[in-house]
């Protein structure tokens, strides 16, 4: 099996982002980027030493003032963007 060379510059620019799926009744909360049609689930960058759940609690409180009380992990997605 041949292992492809990994770009070291790309490895140094890893970003970890945690997102939350918030349901209120039958509605889902989405954020919309200003000046764009791009929508995404609320959340943000995981800070060094912080867990995904801690990030979500912090980000939602910072952005909305709301405190998340019931939070369950449902999955992970890995994606690579070309720079």
Protein backbone atom coordinates (compact mmCIF):
# COMPACT_ATOMS: atom_id res chain seq x y z
CA UNK A 1 0.00 0.00 0.00
CA UNK A 2 1.40 3.40 -1.00
CA UNK A 3 0.98 6.28 1.46
CA UNK A 4 0.65 9.72 -0.12
CA UNK A 5 2.88 12.57 1.05
CA UNK A 6 1.01 14.91 3.42
CA UNK A 7 1.45 18.64 2.90
CA UNK A 8 3.10 19.88 6.13
CA UNK A 9 1.84 23.45 5.59
CA UNK A 10 -1.75 22.18 5.51
CA UNK A 11 -1.17 20.13 8.68
CA UNK A 12 -0.15 23.30 10.53
CA UNK A 13 -3.44 25.02 9.64
CA UNK A 14 -5.94 22.60 11.12
CA UNK A 15 -9.15 24.19 12.33
CA UNK A 16 -11.63 22.37 14.52
CA UNK A 17 -15.16 23.72 14.53
CA UNK A 18 -18.04 22.48 16.67
CA UNK A 19 -21.63 22.96 15.48
CA UNK A 20 -24.96 22.37 17.17
CA UNK A 21 -28.31 21.24 15.77
CA UNK A 22 -30.96 23.17 17.75
CA UNK A 23 -34.59 22.08 17.44
CA UNK A 24 -37.44 24.20 18.78
CA UNK A 25 -40.68 22.36 18.10
CA UNK A 26 -40.46 21.49 14.41
CA UNK A 27 -38.01 24.32 13.55
CA UNK A 28 -34.20 24.18 13.19
CA UNK A 29 -32.00 27.16 14.10
CA UNK A 30 -29.60 28.22 11.33
CA UNK A 31 -27.17 31.15 11.07
CA UNK A 32 -26.94 33.15 7.86
CA UNK A 33 -23.73 34.82 6.80
CA UNK A 34 -24.19 38.57 6.26
CA UNK A 35 -24.11 39.50 2.56
CA UNK A 36 -24.41 35.88 1.43
CA UNK A 37 -26.93 33.09 1.00
CA UNK A 38 -24.61 30.77 2.99
CA UNK A 39 -26.33 29.20 6.02
CA UNK A 40 -24.80 27.02 8.72
CA UNK A 41 -25.54 25.49 12.10
CA UNK A 42 -24.57 27.69 15.10
CA UNK A 43 -21.21 27.08 16.76
CA UNK A 44 -17.60 28.07 16.33
CA UNK A 45 -13.91 27.26 16.66
CA UNK A 46 -12.76 24.92 19.40
CA UNK A 47 -10.15 26.66 21.55
CA UNK A 48 -6.99 24.84 22.68
CA UNK A 49 -7.80 22.47 25.56
CA UNK A 50 -11.57 22.82 25.08
CA UNK A 51 -13.98 20.00 24.23
CA UNK A 52 -16.66 20.14 21.53
CA UNK A 53 -19.52 20.40 24.05
CA UNK A 54 -17.74 23.15 26.00
CA UNK A 55 -17.25 25.05 22.74
CA UNK A 56 -20.95 24.87 21.90
CA UNK A 57 -22.07 26.05 25.33
CA UNK A 58 -19.59 28.97 25.17
CA UNK A 59 -20.35 29.95 21.56
CA UNK A 60 -24.13 29.86 21.93
CA UNK A 61 -23.95 31.90 25.14
CA UNK A 62 -21.61 34.45 23.46
CA UNK A 63 -23.73 34.74 20.31
CA UNK A 64 -27.28 34.52 21.69
CA UNK A 65 -27.10 34.82 25.48
CA UNK A 66 -28.84 31.43 25.76
CA UNK A 67 -27.54 28.62 27.96
CA UNK A 68 -27.65 25.11 26.48
CA UNK A 69 -28.86 22.59 29.08
CA UNK A 70 -29.46 19.40 27.09
CA UNK A 71 -26.64 18.54 24.70
CA UNK A 72 -25.99 15.14 23.09
CA UNK A 73 -23.18 14.24 20.70
CA UNK A 74 -24.61 12.82 17.45
CA UNK A 75 -21.63 12.58 15.11
CA UNK A 76 -18.54 13.98 13.48
CA UNK A 77 -17.74 15.14 9.95
CA UNK A 78 -14.23 15.53 8.60
CA UNK A 79 -13.70 17.77 5.59
CA UNK A 80 -10.65 19.13 3.81
CA UNK A 81 -10.69 22.37 1.82
CA UNK A 82 -8.02 23.14 -0.72
CA UNK A 83 -6.15 26.36 0.13
